[in-house]
PDB file of all heavy atoms in Angstrom:
ATOM      1  N   ALA A   1      22.893  -8.531   6.600  1.00  0.00           N
ATOM      2  CA  ALA A   1      21.628  -8.118   7.198  1.00  0.00           C
ATOM      3  C   ALA A   1      20.479  -8.479   6.262  1.00  0.00           C
ATOM      4  O   ALA A   1      20.591  -8.357   5.041  1.00  0.00           O
ATOM      5  CB  ALA A   1      21.633  -6.617   7.481  1.00  0.00           C
ATOM      6  N   TYR A   2      19.372  -8.922   6.847  1.00  0.00           N
ATOM      7  CA  TYR A   2      18.179  -9.309   6.092  1.00  0.00           C
ATOM      8  C   TYR A   2      17.022  -8.440   6.559  1.00  0.00           C
ATOM      9  O   TYR A   2      16.688  -8.411   7.745  1.00  0.00           O
ATOM     10  CB  TYR A   2      17.871 -10.784   6.326  1.00  0.00           C
ATOM     11  CG  TYR A   2      16.649 -11.295   5.596  1.00  0.00           C
ATOM     12  CD1 TYR A   2      16.742 -11.750   4.296  1.00  0.00           C
ATOM     13  CD2 TYR A   2      15.407 -11.334   6.230  1.00  0.00           C
ATOM     14  CE1 TYR A   2      15.621 -12.229   3.618  1.00  0.00           C
ATOM     15  CE2 TYR A   2      14.285 -11.806   5.568  1.00  0.00           C
ATOM     16  CZ  TYR A   2      14.401 -12.259   4.264  1.00  0.00           C
ATOM     17  OH  TYR A   2      13.301 -12.734   3.597  1.00  0.00           O
ATOM     18  N   GLU A   3      16.397  -7.729   5.609  1.00  0.00           N
ATOM     19  CA  GLU A   3      15.341  -6.784   5.985  1.00  0.00           C
ATOM     20  C   GLU A   3      14.018  -7.496   6.244  1.00  0.00           C
ATOM     21  O   GLU A   3      13.557  -8.313   5.448  1.00  0.00           O
ATOM     22  CB  GLU A   3      15.139  -5.734   4.890  1.00  0.00           C
ATOM     23  CG  GLU A   3      14.115  -4.676   5.277  1.00  0.00           C
ATOM     24  CD  GLU A   3      13.938  -3.594   4.226  1.00  0.00           C
ATOM     25  OE1 GLU A   3      14.598  -3.675   3.155  1.00  0.00           O
ATOM     26  OE2 GLU A   3      13.162  -2.654   4.482  1.00  0.00           O
ATOM     27  N   VAL A   4      13.406  -7.152   7.364  1.00  0.00           N
ATOM     28  CA  VAL A   4      12.071  -7.633   7.708  1.00  0.00           C
ATOM     29  C   VAL A   4      11.074  -6.585   7.257  1.00  0.00           C
ATOM     30  O   VAL A   4      11.161  -5.423   7.655  1.00  0.00           O
ATOM     31  CB  VAL A   4      11.945  -7.863   9.228  1.00  0.00           C
ATOM     32  CG1 VAL A   4      10.527  -8.287   9.585  1.00  0.00           C
ATOM     33  CG2 VAL A   4      12.949  -8.904   9.700  1.00  0.00           C
ATOM     34  N   LYS A   5      10.122  -7.000   6.439  1.00  0.00           N
ATOM     35  CA  LYS A   5       9.108  -6.067   5.951  1.00  0.00           C
ATOM     36  C   LYS A   5       7.748  -6.429   6.549  1.00  0.00           C
ATOM     37  O   LYS A   5       7.536  -7.522   7.028  1.00  0.00           O
ATOM     38  CB  LYS A   5       9.058  -6.092   4.424  1.00  0.00           C
ATOM     39  CG  LYS A   5      10.377  -5.660   3.770  1.00  0.00           C
ATOM     40  CD  LYS A   5      10.285  -5.677   2.259  1.00  0.00           C
ATOM     41  CE  LYS A   5      11.607  -5.221   1.632  1.00  0.00           C
ATOM     42  NZ  LYS A   5      11.563  -5.237   0.159  1.00  0.00           N
ATOM     43  N   GLY A   6       6.837  -5.476   6.487  1.00  0.00           N
ATOM     44  CA  GLY A   6       5.509  -5.730   7.032  1.00  0.00           C
ATOM     45  C   GLY A   6       5.459  -5.495   8.537  1.00  0.00           C
ATOM     46  O   GLY A   6       6.332  -4.844   9.112  1.00  0.00           O
ATOM     47  N   PHE A   7       4.441  -6.039   9.175  1.00  0.00           N
ATOM     48  CA  PHE A   7       4.222  -5.796  10.599  1.00  0.00           C
ATOM     49  C   PHE A   7       5.296  -6.502  11.424  1.00  0.00           C
ATOM     50  O   PHE A   7       5.435  -7.727  11.385  1.00  0.00           O
ATOM     51  CB  PHE A   7       2.833  -6.284  11.022  1.00  0.00           C
ATOM     52  CG  PHE A   7       2.476  -5.913  12.429  1.00  0.00           C
ATOM     53  CD1 PHE A   7       1.912  -4.677  12.704  1.00  0.00           C
ATOM     54  CD2 PHE A   7       2.715  -6.784  13.478  1.00  0.00           C
ATOM     55  CE1 PHE A   7       1.582  -4.319  14.007  1.00  0.00           C
ATOM     56  CE2 PHE A   7       2.393  -6.443  14.782  1.00  0.00           C
ATOM     57  CZ  PHE A   7       1.820  -5.209  15.046  1.00  0.00           C
ATOM     58  N   CYS A   8       6.044  -5.730  12.163  1.00  0.00           N
ATOM     59  CA  CYS A   8       7.105  -6.260  13.022  1.00  0.00           C
ATOM     60  C   CYS A   8       7.295  -5.250  14.144  1.00  0.00           C
ATOM     61  O   CYS A   8       7.809  -4.161  13.926  1.00  0.00           O
ATOM     62  CB  CYS A   8       8.396  -6.458  12.234  1.00  0.00           C
ATOM     63  SG  CYS A   8       9.808  -6.965  13.249  1.00  0.00           S
ATOM     64  N   GLU A   9       6.867  -5.596  15.340  1.00  0.00           N
ATOM     65  CA  GLU A   9       6.917  -4.674  16.470  1.00  0.00           C
ATOM     66  C   GLU A   9       7.730  -5.273  17.608  1.00  0.00           C
ATOM     67  O   GLU A   9       7.588  -6.449  17.943  1.00  0.00           O
ATOM     68  CB  GLU A   9       5.508  -4.331  16.957  1.00  0.00           C
ATOM     69  CG  GLU A   9       4.680  -3.527  15.955  1.00  0.00           C
ATOM     70  CD  GLU A   9       5.182  -2.102  15.802  1.00  0.00           C
ATOM     71  OE1 GLU A   9       5.952  -1.651  16.670  1.00  0.00           O
ATOM     72  OE2 GLU A   9       4.786  -1.438  14.828  1.00  0.00           O
ATOM     73  N   HIS A  10       8.566  -4.427  18.195  1.00  0.00           N
ATOM     74  CA  HIS A  10       9.466  -4.825  19.272  1.00  0.00           C
ATOM     75  C   HIS A  10       8.889  -4.334  20.603  1.00  0.00           C
ATOM     76  O   HIS A  10       8.604  -3.150  20.763  1.00  0.00           O
ATOM     77  CB  HIS A  10      10.842  -4.206  19.031  1.00  0.00           C
ATOM     78  CG  HIS A  10      11.904  -4.687  19.951  1.00  0.00           C
ATOM     79  ND1 HIS A  10      12.540  -5.894  19.805  1.00  0.00           N
ATOM     80  CD2 HIS A  10      12.445  -4.124  21.059  1.00  0.00           C
ATOM     81  CE1 HIS A  10      13.431  -6.046  20.751  1.00  0.00           C
ATOM     82  NE2 HIS A  10      13.384  -4.985  21.535  1.00  0.00           N
ATOM     83  N   ILE A  11       8.697  -5.239  21.559  1.00  0.00           N
ATOM     84  CA  ILE A  11       8.124  -4.877  22.857  1.00  0.00           C
ATOM     85  C   ILE A  11       9.251  -4.699  23.864  1.00  0.00           C
ATOM     86  O   ILE A  11       9.913  -5.663  24.262  1.00  0.00           O
ATOM     87  CB  ILE A  11       7.131  -5.947  23.338  1.00  0.00           C
ATOM     88  CG1 ILE A  11       5.942  -6.018  22.383  1.00  0.00           C
ATOM     89  CG2 ILE A  11       6.652  -5.630  24.757  1.00  0.00           C
ATOM     90  CD1 ILE A  11       4.929  -7.080  22.721  1.00  0.00           C
ATOM     91  N   ALA A  12       9.481  -3.448  24.266  1.00  0.00           N
ATOM     92  CA  ALA A  12      10.583  -3.144  25.176  1.00  0.00           C
ATOM     93  C   ALA A  12      10.130  -2.349  26.395  1.00  0.00           C
ATOM     94  O   ALA A  12      10.958  -1.883  27.171  1.00  0.00           O
ATOM     95  CB  ALA A  12      11.677  -2.370  24.444  1.00  0.00           C
ATOM     96  N   SER A  13       8.814  -2.209  26.575  1.00  0.00           N
ATOM     97  CA  SER A  13       8.288  -1.471  27.725  1.00  0.00           C
ATOM     98  C   SER A  13       6.810  -1.797  27.875  1.00  0.00           C
ATOM     99  O   SER A  13       6.187  -2.370  26.969  1.00  0.00           O
ATOM    100  CB  SER A  13       8.475   0.038  27.550  1.00  0.00           C
ATOM    101  OG  SER A  13       7.657   0.507  26.490  1.00  0.00           O
ATOM    102  N   ILE A  14       6.246  -1.421  29.006  1.00  0.00           N
ATOM    103  CA  ILE A  14       4.823  -1.654  29.220  1.00  0.00           C
ATOM    104  C   ILE A  14       3.995  -0.834  28.241  1.00  0.00           C
ATOM    105  O   ILE A  14       2.932  -1.263  27.785  1.00  0.00           O
ATOM    106  CB  ILE A  14       4.437  -1.340  30.689  1.00  0.00           C
ATOM    107  CG1 ILE A  14       3.051  -1.905  31.025  1.00  0.00           C
ATOM    108  CG2 ILE A  14       4.521   0.144  30.972  1.00  0.00           C
ATOM    109  CD1 ILE A  14       3.011  -3.376  31.209  1.00  0.00           C
ATOM    110  N   SER A  15       4.501   0.353  27.863  1.00  0.00           N
ATOM    111  CA  SER A  15       3.804   1.170  26.858  1.00  0.00           C
ATOM    112  C   SER A  15       3.820   0.496  25.496  1.00  0.00           C
ATOM    113  O   SER A  15       2.820   0.528  24.761  1.00  0.00           O
ATOM    114  CB  SER A  15       4.438   2.563  26.775  1.00  0.00           C
ATOM    115  OG  SER A  15       4.288   3.273  27.984  1.00  0.00           O
ATOM    116  N   ASP A  16       4.961  -0.115  25.146  1.00  0.00           N
ATOM    117  CA  ASP A  16       5.040  -0.876  23.898  1.00  0.00           C
ATOM    118  C   ASP A  16       4.044  -2.030  23.909  1.00  0.00           C
ATOM    119  O   ASP A  16       3.371  -2.303  22.908  1.00  0.00           O
ATOM    120  CB  ASP A  16       6.453  -1.442  23.698  1.00  0.00           C
ATOM    121  CG  ASP A  16       7.454  -0.407  23.256  1.00  0.00           C
ATOM    122  OD1 ASP A  16       7.035   0.686  22.837  1.00  0.00           O
ATOM    123  OD2 ASP A  16       8.664  -0.687  23.345  1.00  0.00           O
ATOM    124  N   TYR A  17       3.989  -2.727  25.035  1.00  0.00           N
ATOM    125  CA  TYR A  17       3.080  -3.869  25.158  1.00  0.00           C
ATOM    126  C   TYR A  17       1.637  -3.430  24.906  1.00  0.00           C
ATOM    127  O   TYR A  17       0.896  -4.084  24.166  1.00  0.00           O
ATOM    128  CB  TYR A  17       3.216  -4.481  26.545  1.00  0.00           C
ATOM    129  CG  TYR A  17       2.250  -5.619  26.808  1.00  0.00           C
ATOM    130  CD1 TYR A  17       2.494  -6.895  26.302  1.00  0.00           C
ATOM    131  CD2 TYR A  17       1.095  -5.414  27.562  1.00  0.00           C
ATOM    132  CE1 TYR A  17       1.606  -7.929  26.534  1.00  0.00           C
ATOM    133  CE2 TYR A  17       0.205  -6.438  27.800  1.00  0.00           C
ATOM    134  CZ  TYR A  17       0.458  -7.692  27.280  1.00  0.00           C
ATOM    135  OH  TYR A  17      -0.442  -8.723  27.511  1.00  0.00           O
ATOM    136  N   TYR A  18       1.255  -2.324  25.516  1.00  0.00           N
ATOM    137  CA  TYR A  18      -0.106  -1.811  25.336  1.00  0.00           C
ATOM    138  C   TYR A  18      -0.337  -1.399  23.881  1.00  0.00           C
ATOM    139  O   TYR A  18      -1.339  -1.771  23.263  1.00  0.00           O
ATOM    140  CB  TYR A  18      -0.336  -0.612  26.259  1.00  0.00           C
ATOM    141  CG  TYR A  18      -1.712  -0.009  26.137  1.00  0.00           C
ATOM    142  CD1 TYR A  18      -2.789  -0.544  26.823  1.00  0.00           C
ATOM    143  CD2 TYR A  18      -1.924   1.093  25.310  1.00  0.00           C
ATOM    144  CE1 TYR A  18      -4.058   0.001  26.692  1.00  0.00           C
ATOM    145  CE2 TYR A  18      -3.189   1.639  25.172  1.00  0.00           C
ATOM    146  CZ  TYR A  18      -4.253   1.097  25.864  1.00  0.00           C
ATOM    147  OH  TYR A  18      -5.508   1.631  25.721  1.00  0.00           O
ATOM    148  N   ARG A  19       0.621  -0.673  23.316  1.00  0.00           N
ATOM    149  CA  ARG A  19       0.476  -0.167  21.952  1.00  0.00           C
ATOM    150  C   ARG A  19       0.369  -1.291  20.930  1.00  0.00           C
ATOM    151  O   ARG A  19      -0.487  -1.248  20.028  1.00  0.00           O
ATOM    152  CB  ARG A  19       1.669   0.734  21.616  1.00  0.00           C
ATOM    153  CG  ARG A  19       1.706   1.237  20.181  1.00  0.00           C
ATOM    154  CD  ARG A  19       2.937   2.096  19.934  1.00  0.00           C
ATOM    155  NE  ARG A  19       4.178   1.429  20.285  1.00  0.00           N
ATOM    156  CZ  ARG A  19       4.784   0.524  19.508  1.00  0.00           C
ATOM    157  NH1 ARG A  19       4.258   0.207  18.333  1.00  0.00           N
ATOM    158  NH2 ARG A  19       5.915  -0.032  19.896  1.00  0.00           N
ATOM    159  N   VAL A  20       1.206  -2.316  21.069  1.00  0.00           N
ATOM    160  CA  VAL A  20       1.209  -3.404  20.087  1.00  0.00           C
ATOM    161  C   VAL A  20      -0.058  -4.244  20.211  1.00  0.00           C
ATOM    162  O   VAL A  20      -0.618  -4.702  19.208  1.00  0.00           O
ATOM    163  CB  VAL A  20       2.479  -4.265  20.244  1.00  0.00           C
ATOM    164  CG1 VAL A  20       2.463  -5.426  19.263  1.00  0.00           C
ATOM    165  CG2 VAL A  20       3.724  -3.427  20.034  1.00  0.00           C
ATOM    166  N   ASN A  21      -0.530  -4.451  21.438  1.00  0.00           N
ATOM    167  CA  ASN A  21      -1.822  -5.133  21.602  1.00  0.00           C
ATOM    168  C   ASN A  21      -2.929  -4.362  20.907  1.00  0.00           C
ATOM    169  O   ASN A  21      -3.746  -4.925  20.176  1.00  0.00           O
ATOM    170  CB  ASN A  21      -2.150  -5.283  23.092  1.00  0.00           C
ATOM    171  CG  ASN A  21      -1.697  -6.613  23.672  1.00  0.00           C
ATOM    172  OD1 ASN A  21      -2.393  -7.623  23.576  1.00  0.00           O
ATOM    173  ND2 ASN A  21      -0.515  -6.599  24.267  1.00  0.00           N
ATOM    174  N   MET A  22      -2.955  -3.049  21.127  1.00  0.00           N
ATOM    175  CA  MET A  22      -4.015  -2.233  20.555  1.00  0.00           C
ATOM    176  C   MET A  22      -3.921  -2.125  19.036  1.00  0.00           C
ATOM    177  O   MET A  22      -4.909  -1.815  18.364  1.00  0.00           O
ATOM    178  CB  MET A  22      -4.007  -0.844  21.194  1.00  0.00           C
ATOM    179  CG  MET A  22      -4.521  -0.846  22.616  1.00  0.00           C
ATOM    180  SD  MET A  22      -6.207  -1.502  22.693  1.00  0.00           S
ATOM    181  CE  MET A  22      -6.427  -1.719  24.459  1.00  0.00           C
ATOM    182  N   ALA A  23      -2.736  -2.407  18.481  1.00  0.00           N
ATOM    183  CA  ALA A  23      -2.608  -2.415  17.020  1.00  0.00           C
ATOM    184  C   ALA A  23      -3.477  -3.497  16.386  1.00  0.00           C
ATOM    185  O   ALA A  23      -3.835  -3.416  15.204  1.00  0.00           O
ATOM    186  CB  ALA A  23      -1.144  -2.615  16.622  1.00  0.00           C
ATOM    187  N   LEU A  24      -3.847  -4.510  17.172  1.00  0.00           N
ATOM    188  CA  LEU A  24      -4.688  -5.592  16.662  1.00  0.00           C
ATOM    189  C   LEU A  24      -6.101  -5.127  16.335  1.00  0.00           C
ATOM    190  O   LEU A  24      -6.869  -5.853  15.698  1.00  0.00           O
ATOM    191  CB  LEU A  24      -4.751  -6.735  17.683  1.00  0.00           C
ATOM    192  CG  LEU A  24      -3.431  -7.418  18.032  1.00  0.00           C
ATOM    193  CD1 LEU A  24      -3.671  -8.540  19.032  1.00  0.00           C
ATOM    194  CD2 LEU A  24      -2.741  -7.958  16.789  1.00  0.00           C
ATOM    195  N   MET A  25      -6.467  -3.935  16.780  1.00  0.00           N
ATOM    196  CA  MET A  25      -7.784  -3.399  16.434  1.00  0.00           C
ATOM    197  C   MET A  25      -7.881  -3.102  14.937  1.00  0.00           C
ATOM    198  O   MET A  25      -8.979  -2.986  14.388  1.00  0.00           O
ATOM    199  CB  MET A  25      -8.066  -2.121  17.234  1.00  0.00           C
ATOM    200  CG  MET A  25      -8.124  -2.339  18.733  1.00  0.00           C
ATOM    201  SD  MET A  25      -9.389  -3.543  19.184  1.00  0.00           S
ATOM    202  CE  MET A  25      -9.103  -3.652  20.949  1.00  0.00           C
ATOM    203  N   SER A  26      -6.738  -2.985  14.274  1.00  0.00           N
ATOM    204  CA  SER A  26      -6.720  -2.742  12.834  1.00  0.00           C
ATOM    205  C   SER A  26      -6.921  -4.060  12.088  1.00  0.00           C
ATOM    206  O   SER A  26      -6.189  -5.032  12.290  1.00  0.00           O
ATOM    207  CB  SER A  26      -5.379  -2.113  12.427  1.00  0.00           C
ATOM    208  OG  SER A  26      -5.212  -2.161  11.021  1.00  0.00           O
ATOM    209  N   LYS A  27      -7.891  -4.070  11.201  1.00  0.00           N
ATOM    210  CA  LYS A  27      -8.166  -5.258  10.394  1.00  0.00           C
ATOM    211  C   LYS A  27      -6.965  -5.640   9.541  1.00  0.00           C
ATOM    212  O   LYS A  27      -6.645  -6.824   9.376  1.00  0.00           O
ATOM    213  CB  LYS A  27      -9.391  -5.011   9.518  1.00  0.00           C
ATOM    214  CG  LYS A  27      -9.792  -6.203   8.667  1.00  0.00           C
ATOM    215  CD  LYS A  27     -11.032  -5.891   7.833  1.00  0.00           C
ATOM    216  CE  LYS A  27     -11.408  -7.077   6.957  1.00  0.00           C
ATOM    217  NZ  LYS A  27     -12.620  -6.777   6.131  1.00  0.00           N
ATOM    218  N   ASP A  28      -6.278  -4.638   9.000  1.00  0.00           N
ATOM    219  CA  ASP A  28      -5.112  -4.906   8.156  1.00  0.00           C
ATOM    220  C   ASP A  28      -3.989  -5.560   8.952  1.00  0.00           C
ATOM    221  O   ASP A  28      -3.303  -6.456   8.448  1.00  0.00           O
ATOM    222  CB  ASP A  28      -4.615  -3.605   7.522  1.00  0.00           C
ATOM    223  CG  ASP A  28      -5.590  -3.041   6.492  1.00  0.00           C
ATOM    224  OD1 ASP A  28      -6.405  -3.827   5.966  1.00  0.00           O
ATOM    225  OD2 ASP A  28      -5.531  -1.835   6.226  1.00  0.00           O
ATOM    226  N   VAL A  29      -3.781  -5.115  10.190  1.00  0.00           N
ATOM    227  CA  VAL A  29      -2.748  -5.715  11.038  1.00  0.00           C
ATOM    228  C   VAL A  29      -3.104  -7.160  11.346  1.00  0.00           C
ATOM    229  O   VAL A  29      -2.252  -8.065  11.254  1.00  0.00           O
ATOM    230  CB  VAL A  29      -2.577  -4.909  12.341  1.00  0.00           C
ATOM    231  CG1 VAL A  29      -1.699  -5.676  13.333  1.00  0.00           C
ATOM    232  CG2 VAL A  29      -1.961  -3.544  12.043  1.00  0.00           C
ATOM    233  N   ARG A  30      -4.345  -7.416  11.703  1.00  0.00           N
ATOM    234  CA  ARG A  30      -4.759  -8.789  12.012  1.00  0.00           C
ATOM    235  C   ARG A  30      -4.596  -9.700  10.796  1.00  0.00           C
ATOM    236  O   ARG A  30      -4.158 -10.844  10.912  1.00  0.00           O
ATOM    237  CB  ARG A  30      -6.211  -8.817  12.494  1.00  0.00           C
ATOM    238  CG  ARG A  30      -6.450  -8.116  13.820  1.00  0.00           C
ATOM    239  CD  ARG A  30      -7.787  -8.526  14.432  1.00  0.00           C
ATOM    240  NE  ARG A  30      -8.919  -8.293  13.550  1.00  0.00           N
ATOM    241  CZ  ARG A  30      -9.597  -7.154  13.461  1.00  0.00           C
ATOM    242  NH1 ARG A  30      -9.215  -6.117  14.217  1.00  0.00           N
ATOM    243  NH2 ARG A  30     -10.627  -7.037  12.655  1.00  0.00           N
ATOM    244  N   LYS A  31      -4.952  -9.189   9.631  1.00  0.00           N
ATOM    245  CA  LYS A  31      -4.843  -9.995   8.412  1.00  0.00           C
ATOM    246  C   LYS A  31      -3.402 -10.364   8.115  1.00  0.00           C
ATOM    247  O   LYS A  31      -3.109 -11.491   7.693  1.00  0.00           O
ATOM    248  CB  LYS A  31      -5.454  -9.233   7.233  1.00  0.00           C
ATOM    249  CG  LYS A  31      -5.475 -10.011   5.928  1.00  0.00           C
ATOM    250  CD  LYS A  31      -6.137  -9.203   4.824  1.00  0.00           C
ATOM    251  CE  LYS A  31      -6.142  -9.988   3.508  1.00  0.00           C
ATOM    252  NZ  LYS A  31      -6.784  -9.209   2.413  1.00  0.00           N
ATOM    253  N   GLU A  32      -2.494  -9.427   8.335  1.00  0.00           N
ATOM    254  CA  GLU A  32      -1.081  -9.684   8.062  1.00  0.00           C
ATOM    255  C   GLU A  32      -0.439 -10.564   9.128  1.00  0.00           C
ATOM    256  O   GLU A  32       0.323 -11.484   8.817  1.00  0.00           O
ATOM    257  CB  GLU A  32      -0.325  -8.361   7.972  1.00  0.00           C
ATOM    258  CG  GLU A  32       1.152  -8.531   7.638  1.00  0.00           C
ATOM    259  CD  GLU A  32       1.885  -7.213   7.497  1.00  0.00           C
ATOM    260  OE1 GLU A  32       1.221  -6.162   7.371  1.00  0.00           O
ATOM    261  OE2 GLU A  32       3.127  -7.232   7.523  1.00  0.00           O
ATOM    262  N   LEU A  33      -0.739 -10.281  10.387  1.00  0.00           N
ATOM    263  CA  LEU A  33      -0.100 -11.016  11.478  1.00  0.00           C
ATOM    264  C   LEU A  33      -0.625 -12.441  11.596  1.00  0.00           C
ATOM    265  O   LEU A  33       0.138 -13.374  11.837  1.00  0.00           O
ATOM    266  CB  LEU A  33      -0.314 -10.262  12.794  1.00  0.00           C
ATOM    267  CG  LEU A  33       0.483 -10.733  14.006  1.00  0.00           C
ATOM    268  CD1 LEU A  33       1.983 -10.695  13.736  1.00  0.00           C
ATOM    269  CD2 LEU A  33       0.149  -9.877  15.220  1.00  0.00           C
ATOM    270  N   PHE A  34      -1.929 -12.608  11.390  1.00  0.00           N
ATOM    271  CA  PHE A  34      -2.544 -13.929  11.516  1.00  0.00           C
ATOM    272  C   PHE A  34      -2.916 -14.454  10.132  1.00  0.00           C
ATOM    273  O   PHE A  34      -4.084 -14.651   9.808  1.00  0.00           O
ATOM    274  CB  PHE A  34      -3.754 -13.853  12.447  1.00  0.00           C
ATOM    275  CG  PHE A  34      -3.416 -13.320  13.813  1.00  0.00           C
ATOM    276  CD1 PHE A  34      -3.825 -12.062  14.199  1.00  0.00           C
ATOM    277  CD2 PHE A  34      -2.659 -14.074  14.696  1.00  0.00           C
ATOM    278  CE1 PHE A  34      -3.499 -11.556  15.454  1.00  0.00           C
ATOM    279  CE2 PHE A  34      -2.323 -13.579  15.946  1.00  0.00           C
ATOM    280  CZ  PHE A  34      -2.739 -12.323  16.329  1.00  0.00           C
ATOM    281  N   ASP A  35      -1.894 -14.641   9.317  1.00  0.00           N
ATOM    282  CA  ASP A  35      -2.035 -15.130   7.948  1.00  0.00           C
ATOM    283  C   ASP A  35      -2.586 -16.561   7.970  1.00  0.00           C
ATOM    284  O   ASP A  35      -2.037 -17.433   8.652  1.00  0.00           O
ATOM    285  CB  ASP A  35      -0.657 -15.104   7.265  1.00  0.00           C
ATOM    286  CG  ASP A  35      -0.716 -15.398   5.785  1.00  0.00           C
ATOM    287  OD1 ASP A  35      -1.670 -16.072   5.342  1.00  0.00           O
ATOM    288  OD2 ASP A  35       0.199 -14.966   5.060  1.00  0.00           O
ATOM    289  N   VAL A  36      -3.656 -16.808   7.224  1.00  0.00           N
ATOM    290  CA  VAL A  36      -4.271 -18.140   7.231  1.00  0.00           C
ATOM    291  C   VAL A  36      -3.341 -19.203   6.671  1.00  0.00           C
ATOM    292  O   VAL A  36      -3.463 -20.394   6.996  1.00  0.00           O
ATOM    293  CB  VAL A  36      -5.605 -18.138   6.446  1.00  0.00           C
ATOM    294  CG1 VAL A  36      -6.644 -17.282   7.144  1.00  0.00           C
ATOM    295  CG2 VAL A  36      -5.397 -17.665   5.006  1.00  0.00           C
ATOM    296  N   ASP A  37      -2.405 -18.798   5.815  1.00  0.00           N
ATOM    297  CA  ASP A  37      -1.458 -19.758   5.243  1.00  0.00           C
ATOM    298  C   ASP A  37      -0.264 -20.009   6.174  1.00  0.00           C
ATOM    299  O   ASP A  37       0.454 -20.996   6.006  1.00  0.00           O
ATOM    300  CB  ASP A  37      -0.946 -19.258   3.895  1.00  0.00           C
ATOM    301  CG  ASP A  37      -2.056 -19.176   2.853  1.00  0.00           C
ATOM    302  OD1 ASP A  37      -2.927 -20.067   2.860  1.00  0.00           O
ATOM    303  OD2 ASP A  37      -2.044 -18.227   2.051  1.00  0.00           O
ATOM    304  N   LYS A  38      -0.062 -19.106   7.126  1.00  0.00           N
ATOM    305  CA  LYS A  38       1.022 -19.260   8.105  1.00  0.00           C
ATOM    306  C   LYS A  38       0.464 -18.912   9.487  1.00  0.00           C
ATOM    307  O   LYS A  38       0.752 -17.867  10.046  1.00  0.00           O
ATOM    308  CB  LYS A  38       2.200 -18.344   7.754  1.00  0.00           C
ATOM    309  CG  LYS A  38       2.842 -18.610   6.403  1.00  0.00           C
ATOM    310  CD  LYS A  38       4.018 -17.674   6.160  1.00  0.00           C
ATOM    311  CE  LYS A  38       3.560 -16.229   6.034  1.00  0.00           C
ATOM    312  NZ  LYS A  38       4.703 -15.306   5.818  1.00  0.00           N
ATOM    313  N   PRO A  39      -0.341 -19.808  10.046  1.00  0.00           N
ATOM    314  CA  PRO A  39      -1.064 -19.486  11.278  1.00  0.00           C
ATOM    315  C   PRO A  39      -0.130 -19.298  12.476  1.00  0.00           C
ATOM    316  O   PRO A  39       0.973 -19.851  12.528  1.00  0.00           O
ATOM    317  CB  PRO A  39      -1.967 -20.708  11.497  1.00  0.00           C
ATOM    318  CG  PRO A  39      -1.970 -21.450  10.190  1.00  0.00           C
ATOM    319  CD  PRO A  39      -0.657 -21.147   9.547  1.00  0.00           C
ATOM    320  N   ILE A  40      -0.595 -18.507  13.435  1.00  0.00           N
ATOM    321  CA  ILE A  40       0.059 -18.424  14.736  1.00  0.00           C
ATOM    322  C   ILE A  40      -0.682 -19.384  15.664  1.00  0.00           C
ATOM    323  O   ILE A  40      -1.876 -19.209  15.921  1.00  0.00           O
ATOM    324  CB  ILE A  40       0.020 -16.989  15.300  1.00  0.00           C
ATOM    325  CG1 ILE A  40       0.698 -16.024  14.326  1.00  0.00           C
ATOM    326  CG2 ILE A  40       0.698 -16.948  16.673  1.00  0.00           C
ATOM    327  CD1 ILE A  40       2.172 -16.297  14.064  1.00  0.00           C
ATOM    328  N   TYR A  41       0.016 -20.405  16.109  1.00  0.00           N
ATOM    329  CA  TYR A  41      -0.598 -21.442  16.934  1.00  0.00           C
ATOM    330  C   TYR A  41      -0.447 -21.108  18.420  1.00  0.00           C
ATOM    331  O   TYR A  41       0.436 -20.350  18.825  1.00  0.00           O
ATOM    332  CB  TYR A  41       0.057 -22.794  16.656  1.00  0.00           C
ATOM    333  CG  TYR A  41       0.018 -23.216  15.208  1.00  0.00           C
ATOM    334  CD1 TYR A  41       1.137 -23.075  14.392  1.00  0.00           C
ATOM    335  CD2 TYR A  41      -1.131 -23.761  14.651  1.00  0.00           C
ATOM    336  CE1 TYR A  41       1.112 -23.461  13.058  1.00  0.00           C
ATOM    337  CE2 TYR A  41      -1.177 -24.160  13.319  1.00  0.00           C
ATOM    338  CZ  TYR A  41      -0.044 -24.004  12.526  1.00  0.00           C
ATOM    339  OH  TYR A  41      -0.078 -24.384  11.218  1.00  0.00           O
ATOM    340  N   THR A  42      -1.300 -21.718  19.219  1.00  0.00           N
ATOM    341  CA  THR A  42      -1.218 -21.574  20.667  1.00  0.00           C
ATOM    342  C   THR A  42      -1.867 -22.781  21.320  1.00  0.00           C
ATOM    343  O   THR A  42      -2.556 -23.575  20.651  1.00  0.00           O
ATOM    344  CB  THR A  42      -1.894 -20.270  21.136  1.00  0.00           C
ATOM    345  OG1 THR A  42      -1.594 -20.043  22.510  1.00  0.00           O
ATOM    346  CG2 THR A  42      -3.416 -20.324  20.948  1.00  0.00           C
ATOM    347  N   LYS A  43      -1.659 -22.923  22.608  1.00  0.00           N
ATOM    348  CA  LYS A  43      -2.313 -23.991  23.348  1.00  0.00           C
ATOM    349  C   LYS A  43      -3.816 -23.729  23.376  1.00  0.00           C
ATOM    350  O   LYS A  43      -4.258 -22.630  23.676  1.00  0.00           O
ATOM    351  CB  LYS A  43      -1.771 -24.053  24.776  1.00  0.00           C
ATOM    352  CG  LYS A  43      -2.439 -25.108  25.646  1.00  0.00           C
ATOM    353  CD  LYS A  43      -1.919 -25.039  27.067  1.00  0.00           C
ATOM    354  CE  LYS A  43      -2.647 -26.041  27.962  1.00  0.00           C
ATOM    355  NZ  LYS A  43      -2.184 -25.957  29.373  1.00  0.00           N
ATOM    356  N   VAL A  44      -4.586 -24.752  23.065  1.00  0.00           N
ATOM    357  CA  VAL A  44      -6.040 -24.605  22.997  1.00  0.00           C
ATOM    358  C   VAL A  44      -6.650 -24.868  24.370  1.00  0.00           C
ATOM    359  O   VAL A  44      -6.347 -25.865  25.023  1.00  0.00           O
ATOM    360  CB  VAL A  44      -6.646 -25.574  21.962  1.00  0.00           C
ATOM    361  CG1 VAL A  44      -8.172 -25.478  21.977  1.00  0.00           C
ATOM    362  CG2 VAL A  44      -6.111 -25.258  20.569  1.00  0.00           C
TER     363      VAL A  44
END
């Protein structure tokens, strides 16, 4: 087993989906999740 540390959220319900989206309101969460050195890419 390999431990995952830091922000890691599992979406298993509509309530989870809402909660994890709203976690992005935290500056610390955004900084960790959208690391400039390891960007999250998407279709532009």
